[in-house]
Amino acid sequence: MVIRIALIQLKIAGPKEKILKNAVDLIRIAKKEKDANVVVLPESFNCPYSEENFEANAEEIPLGETSQALSKAARDFGVHVVGGSFVEKCCGKLYNTCTVWGPEGELVARHRKIHLCNTNIPGKLEVEESKVFTAGDSYTTFSVGETKIGLGICWDMRFPEFAAAYREMGCDLLIYPAVCDVFTGELHWELLARARALDNQVFVAFCAPARDCHAELISYGHSLVVNPWGQVIQNGTEFQEIVVADLVLKTLPEVRGQIPVLQQKRADLYELVVRK
């Protein structure tokens, strides 16, 4: 099986209605013109990334307008849509949540960001998501055909045990919608994607917004796809675009057979405990 994945490096500016229309237009292009069967949007895709915008644009799932727009797009174009993330309000709490919609418009998965970004790099970046969001507490997977896919959101990518747990569950592809700043993006973005792919012998996709130099948090961009050898097979620029890659899943047994590191781990010395 081959999955053609399309990462929509979306320009996020202006009112929500305009952003959603742009996103739906690009989902249509990704399916109708690029023939993708999985389309991915970035983190915080329906409003610019800022604490003020989070509160103002929080929605219920699946009743909110963003959920409804994604559901309709998935159904109209017959494609799996990994809806980046947006702010979910539920039971008096806010979550940074990724929704996944099937080709009939059904909600097939919901991932609440597990690891909240609290970081302070003097003069470069200060983010404290835990002031706004409640952390999720569960793994999230879904399947396209026989391919099991694991979900993370941005900061989740920095935790190798989290990715390794998905590999233990049988995932062959990990998808991370993200907003990564320019400073850490230049240092870590590609390195993290390649490390998560190589360590676990899976495909990895990072999907970011397009760069907006007027934003409160300026996105690095450069959405990318990495194969199980740790090679970048597609890489975007900083501009709005659709990054498309073919994931040839039949190569996975070959990679894992030639370099069988997962079978060579020393369970007598260390082990990963996956708590579901």
Protein backbone atom coordinates (compact mmCIF):
# COMPACT_ATOMS: atom_id res chain seq x y z
CA MET A 1 0.00 0.00 0.00
CA VAL A 2 1.06 3.57 -0.69
CA ILE A 3 -0.29 6.49 1.30
CA ARG A 4 -0.05 9.82 -0.47
CA ILE A 5 0.10 12.38 2.32
CA ALA A 6 -0.42 16.10 1.78
CA LEU A 7 0.77 18.55 4.42
CA ILE A 8 -1.04 21.87 4.09
CA GLN A 9 1.36 24.59 5.19
CA LEU A 10 -1.43 27.06 5.77
CA LYS A 11 -1.24 30.83 5.97
CA ILE A 12 -2.96 31.70 9.26
CA ALA A 13 -4.06 35.33 9.27
CA GLY A 14 -7.33 37.25 9.39
CA PRO A 15 -10.75 36.18 10.70
CA LYS A 16 -11.58 32.55 11.37
CA GLU A 17 -14.05 32.36 8.48
CA LYS A 18 -11.36 33.38 6.00
CA ILE A 19 -8.84 30.91 7.43
CA LEU A 20 -11.35 28.04 7.32
CA LYS A 21 -12.27 28.82 3.71
CA ASN A 22 -8.60 28.82 2.74
CA ALA A 23 -8.05 25.52 4.55
CA VAL A 24 -11.03 23.88 2.83
CA ASP A 25 -9.88 25.15 -0.58
CA LEU A 26 -6.45 23.63 -0.01
CA ILE A 27 -7.93 20.33 1.19
CA ARG A 28 -9.86 20.23 -2.10
CA ILE A 29 -6.69 20.88 -4.11
CA ALA A 30 -4.76 18.27 -2.13
CA LYS A 31 -7.36 15.62 -2.97
CA LYS A 32 -8.59 16.62 -6.41
CA GLU A 33 -5.32 17.83 -7.94
CA LYS A 34 -2.65 16.07 -5.87
CA ASP A 35 -4.61 12.82 -5.34
CA ALA A 36 -3.77 12.63 -1.64
CA ASN A 37 -5.61 10.16 0.58
CA VAL A 38 -4.46 11.74 3.87
CA VAL A 39 -4.46 15.54 4.25
CA VAL A 40 -2.89 17.22 7.29
CA LEU A 41 -3.32 20.75 8.66
CA PRO A 42 -0.98 22.48 11.15
CA GLU A 43 -1.35 23.15 14.86
CA SER A 44 -3.63 26.05 15.85
CA PHE A 45 -4.74 26.27 12.24
CA ASN A 46 -7.99 28.22 12.66
CA CYS A 47 -6.49 31.26 14.43
CA PRO A 48 -3.04 32.78 15.03
CA TYR A 49 -1.14 31.19 17.90
CA SER A 50 -1.60 33.47 20.94
CA GLU A 51 -3.26 33.24 24.34
CA GLU A 52 -5.78 35.94 23.40
CA ASN A 53 -6.84 34.04 20.27
CA PHE A 54 -7.10 30.72 22.08
CA GLU A 55 -9.79 31.92 24.45
CA ALA A 56 -11.74 33.73 21.74
CA ASN A 57 -11.77 30.83 19.28
CA ALA A 58 -12.41 27.87 21.57
CA GLU A 59 -15.10 25.49 20.28
CA GLU A 60 -16.91 22.34 21.24
CA ILE A 61 -16.21 19.15 19.30
CA PRO A 62 -17.94 18.08 17.06
CA LEU A 63 -20.54 20.87 17.16
CA GLY A 64 -18.29 23.88 16.53
CA GLU A 65 -17.84 25.55 13.16
CA THR A 66 -14.28 24.26 12.71
CA SER A 67 -15.35 20.66 13.30
CA GLN A 68 -18.27 21.10 10.94
CA ALA A 69 -16.05 22.59 8.21
CA LEU A 70 -13.53 19.75 8.49
CA SER A 71 -16.24 17.08 8.53
CA LYS A 72 -17.87 18.54 5.43
CA ALA A 73 -14.54 18.86 3.59
CA ALA A 74 -13.61 15.25 4.37
CA ARG A 75 -17.03 14.06 3.16
CA ASP A 76 -17.21 16.29 0.08
CA PHE A 77 -13.75 15.32 -1.15
CA GLY A 78 -13.67 11.73 0.12
CA VAL A 79 -10.41 12.00 2.04
CA HIS A 80 -9.01 11.51 5.53
CA VAL A 81 -8.43 14.93 7.11
CA VAL A 82 -6.07 15.28 10.06
CA GLY A 83 -7.37 18.61 11.29
CA GLY A 84 -4.16 20.04 12.68
CA SER A 85 -5.29 21.36 16.03
CA PHE A 86 -7.57 24.03 17.45
CA VAL A 87 -8.79 24.95 20.90
CA GLU A 88 -11.43 22.61 22.27
CA LYS A 89 -13.62 23.69 25.18
CA CYS A 90 -15.06 20.90 27.27
CA CYS A 91 -16.40 20.82 30.84
CA GLY A 92 -14.94 24.21 31.66
CA LYS A 93 -11.45 23.32 30.38
CA LEU A 94 -9.48 24.17 27.24
CA TYR A 95 -7.50 21.58 25.28
CA ASN A 96 -5.20 21.85 22.28
CA THR A 97 -6.91 19.17 20.20
CA CYS A 98 -6.34 17.42 16.89
CA THR A 99 -9.40 15.91 15.22
CA VAL A 100 -9.34 13.32 12.44
CA TRP A 101 -12.20 12.99 9.98
CA GLY A 102 -12.91 10.01 7.73
CA PRO A 103 -13.94 10.11 4.05
CA GLU A 104 -17.61 10.01 5.02
CA GLY A 105 -17.23 12.98 7.34
CA GLU A 106 -17.16 10.92 10.52
CA LEU A 107 -14.99 11.83 13.51
CA VAL A 108 -12.53 8.93 13.75
CA ALA A 109 -10.04 10.28 16.32
CA ARG A 110 -9.45 13.12 18.78
CA HIS A 111 -6.01 13.78 20.28
CA ARG A 112 -5.54 16.22 23.13
CA LYS A 113 -1.97 17.49 23.32
CA ILE A 114 -0.13 15.41 25.93
CA HIS A 115 2.97 17.52 26.55
CA LEU A 116 2.25 21.23 26.99
CA CYS A 117 4.97 23.62 25.86
CA ASN A 118 6.45 25.50 28.80
CA THR A 119 9.72 27.02 27.66
CA ASN A 120 11.77 30.14 28.32
CA ILE A 121 14.73 30.96 26.08
CA PRO A 122 15.78 34.50 27.07
CA GLY A 123 15.42 36.94 24.22
CA LYS A 124 14.14 34.23 21.87
CA LEU A 125 11.01 32.46 23.05
CA GLU A 126 8.70 32.35 26.05
CA VAL A 127 5.65 30.08 26.02
CA GLU A 128 3.60 28.75 28.95
CA GLU A 129 0.80 26.62 27.53
CA SER A 130 -0.06 25.17 30.94
CA LYS A 131 -1.53 28.56 31.88
CA VAL A 132 -4.19 28.06 29.22
CA PHE A 133 -4.57 24.37 28.43
CA THR A 134 -5.26 21.15 30.26
CA ALA A 135 -2.99 18.32 29.11
CA GLY A 136 -4.42 15.25 27.43
CA ASP A 137 -3.85 11.86 29.03
CA SER A 138 -4.16 9.24 26.30
CA TYR A 139 -2.56 7.94 23.13
CA THR A 140 -4.50 8.43 19.90
CA THR A 141 -4.38 6.18 16.84
CA PHE A 142 -6.44 5.66 13.74
CA SER A 143 -6.08 3.54 10.61
CA VAL A 144 -6.04 4.19 6.88
CA GLY A 145 -6.52 0.80 5.29
CA GLU A 146 -4.19 -1.51 7.17
CA THR A 147 -1.86 1.30 8.24
CA LYS A 148 -2.01 2.32 11.89
CA ILE A 149 -1.18 5.97 12.52
CA GLY A 150 -0.19 7.65 15.79
CA LEU A 151 -0.89 11.30 16.58
CA GLY A 152 1.04 13.92 18.50
CA ILE A 153 0.91 17.72 18.58
CA CYS A 154 4.07 19.85 18.41
CA TRP A 155 5.78 19.55 21.82
CA ASP A 156 4.82 15.86 21.90
CA MET A 157 7.54 15.36 19.26
CA ARG A 158 10.29 16.07 21.81
CA PHE A 159 9.60 12.95 23.87
CA PRO A 160 11.18 9.81 22.37
CA GLU A 161 9.35 7.48 24.75
CA PHE A 162 6.02 8.76 23.47
CA ALA A 163 6.95 7.92 19.87
CA ALA A 164 8.40 4.57 20.95
CA ALA A 165 5.11 3.74 22.65
CA TYR A 166 3.28 4.26 19.36
CA ARG A 167 5.74 1.94 17.65
CA GLU A 168 5.04 -0.67 20.34
CA MET A 169 1.35 -0.31 19.47
CA GLY A 170 2.09 -1.16 15.84
CA CYS A 171 2.04 2.31 14.26
CA ASP A 172 3.83 2.74 10.93
CA LEU A 173 3.31 6.50 10.59
CA LEU A 174 3.46 9.29 13.16
CA ILE A 175 1.85 12.66 12.38
CA TYR A 176 2.59 15.82 14.35
CA PRO A 177 0.79 19.08 13.53
CA ALA A 178 3.01 21.80 15.00
CA VAL A 179 3.88 25.47 15.38
CA CYS A 180 7.64 25.67 15.84
CA ASP A 181 9.37 29.03 16.20
CA VAL A 182 12.19 30.02 13.85
CA PHE A 183 14.99 29.89 16.45
CA THR A 184 14.36 26.34 17.67
CA GLY A 185 13.15 25.28 14.23
CA GLU A 186 16.51 25.98 12.67
CA LEU A 187 18.19 23.93 15.40
CA HIS A 188 15.79 21.06 16.08
CA TRP A 189 12.92 20.71 13.56
CA GLU A 190 14.51 18.36 11.02
CA LEU A 191 16.65 16.69 13.67
CA LEU A 192 13.59 15.73 15.74
CA ALA A 193 11.67 14.39 12.74
CA ARG A 194 14.61 12.29 11.58
CA ALA A 195 15.30 11.01 15.09
CA ARG A 196 11.70 9.94 15.71
CA ALA A 197 11.61 8.17 12.33
CA LEU A 198 15.01 6.48 12.58
CA ASP A 199 14.69 5.35 16.20
CA ASN A 200 11.33 3.72 15.58
CA GLN A 201 11.68 2.76 11.90
CA VAL A 202 8.46 4.54 10.94
CA PHE A 203 7.39 7.32 8.62
CA VAL A 204 7.09 10.72 10.33
CA ALA A 205 5.28 13.86 9.14
CA PHE A 206 5.57 17.33 10.72
CA CYS A 207 3.03 19.90 9.46
CA ALA A 208 3.57 23.59 10.29
CA PRO A 209 1.86 26.86 9.35
CA ALA A 210 3.37 29.15 6.75
CA ARG A 211 5.63 31.85 8.13
CA ASP A 212 4.01 35.16 9.10
CA CYS A 213 6.57 37.69 10.30
CA HIS A 214 3.80 39.75 11.92
CA ALA A 215 2.58 36.89 14.13
CA GLU A 216 3.15 36.73 17.87
CA LEU A 217 4.86 33.37 17.40
CA ILE A 218 6.57 33.24 13.99
CA SER A 219 6.38 29.76 12.48
CA TYR A 220 9.50 28.13 11.09
CA GLY A 221 7.48 26.46 8.33
CA HIS A 222 9.38 23.75 6.41
CA SER A 223 6.77 21.01 6.84
CA LEU A 224 8.46 17.71 6.10
CA VAL A 225 8.14 13.96 5.71
CA VAL A 226 10.83 11.49 6.79
CA ASN A 227 11.12 7.81 5.87
CA PRO A 228 12.12 4.91 8.17
CA TRP A 229 15.78 5.27 7.11
CA GLY A 230 15.75 8.75 8.65
CA GLN A 231 15.85 10.43 5.23
CA VAL A 232 13.83 13.58 4.47
CA ILE A 233 11.79 12.68 1.40
CA GLN A 234 9.84 15.95 1.11
CA ASN A 235 10.46 19.36 2.65
CA GLY A 236 8.58 22.64 2.31
CA THR A 237 9.72 26.24 2.31
CA GLU A 238 8.41 28.92 4.70
CA PHE A 239 5.54 29.94 2.38
CA GLN A 240 1.98 28.64 2.03
CA GLU A 241 2.11 25.44 0.01
CA ILE A 242 1.08 21.80 -0.11
CA VAL A 243 3.89 19.35 0.63
CA VAL A 244 3.10 15.94 -0.90
CA ALA A 245 4.90 12.64 -0.32
CA ASP A 246 4.27 9.01 -1.20
CA LEU A 247 4.76 6.66 1.73
CA VAL A 248 5.69 3.25 0.29
CA LEU A 249 4.67 1.06 3.18
CA LYS A 250 6.08 -2.15 1.72
CA THR A 251 9.58 -0.82 2.50
CA LEU A 252 8.95 -1.06 6.25
CA PRO A 253 9.61 -4.83 6.63
CA GLU A 254 12.78 -4.42 4.57
CA VAL A 255 14.14 -1.64 6.80
CA ARG A 256 13.20 -3.44 10.00
CA GLY A 257 14.64 -6.72 8.73
CA GLN A 258 17.98 -5.25 7.66
CA ILE A 259 18.48 -3.27 10.87
CA PRO A 260 16.50 -5.23 13.50
CA VAL A 261 17.20 -2.94 16.44
CA LEU A 262 13.78 -3.41 18.03
CA GLN A 263 14.43 -7.14 18.29
CA GLN A 264 17.89 -6.50 19.74
CA LYS A 265 16.82 -4.36 22.70
CA ARG A 266 18.02 -5.62 26.09
CA ALA A 267 14.85 -6.21 28.07
CA ASP A 268 17.03 -7.61 30.85
CA LEU A 269 18.51 -4.11 31.29
CA TYR A 270 15.74 -1.69 30.30
CA GLU A 271 12.20 -1.65 28.95
CA LEU A 272 9.44 0.69 27.85
CA VAL A 273 6.21 0.41 29.82
CA VAL A 274 3.21 1.62 27.82
CA ARG A 275 0.28 2.63 30.02
CA LYS A 276 -2.89 2.89 27.93
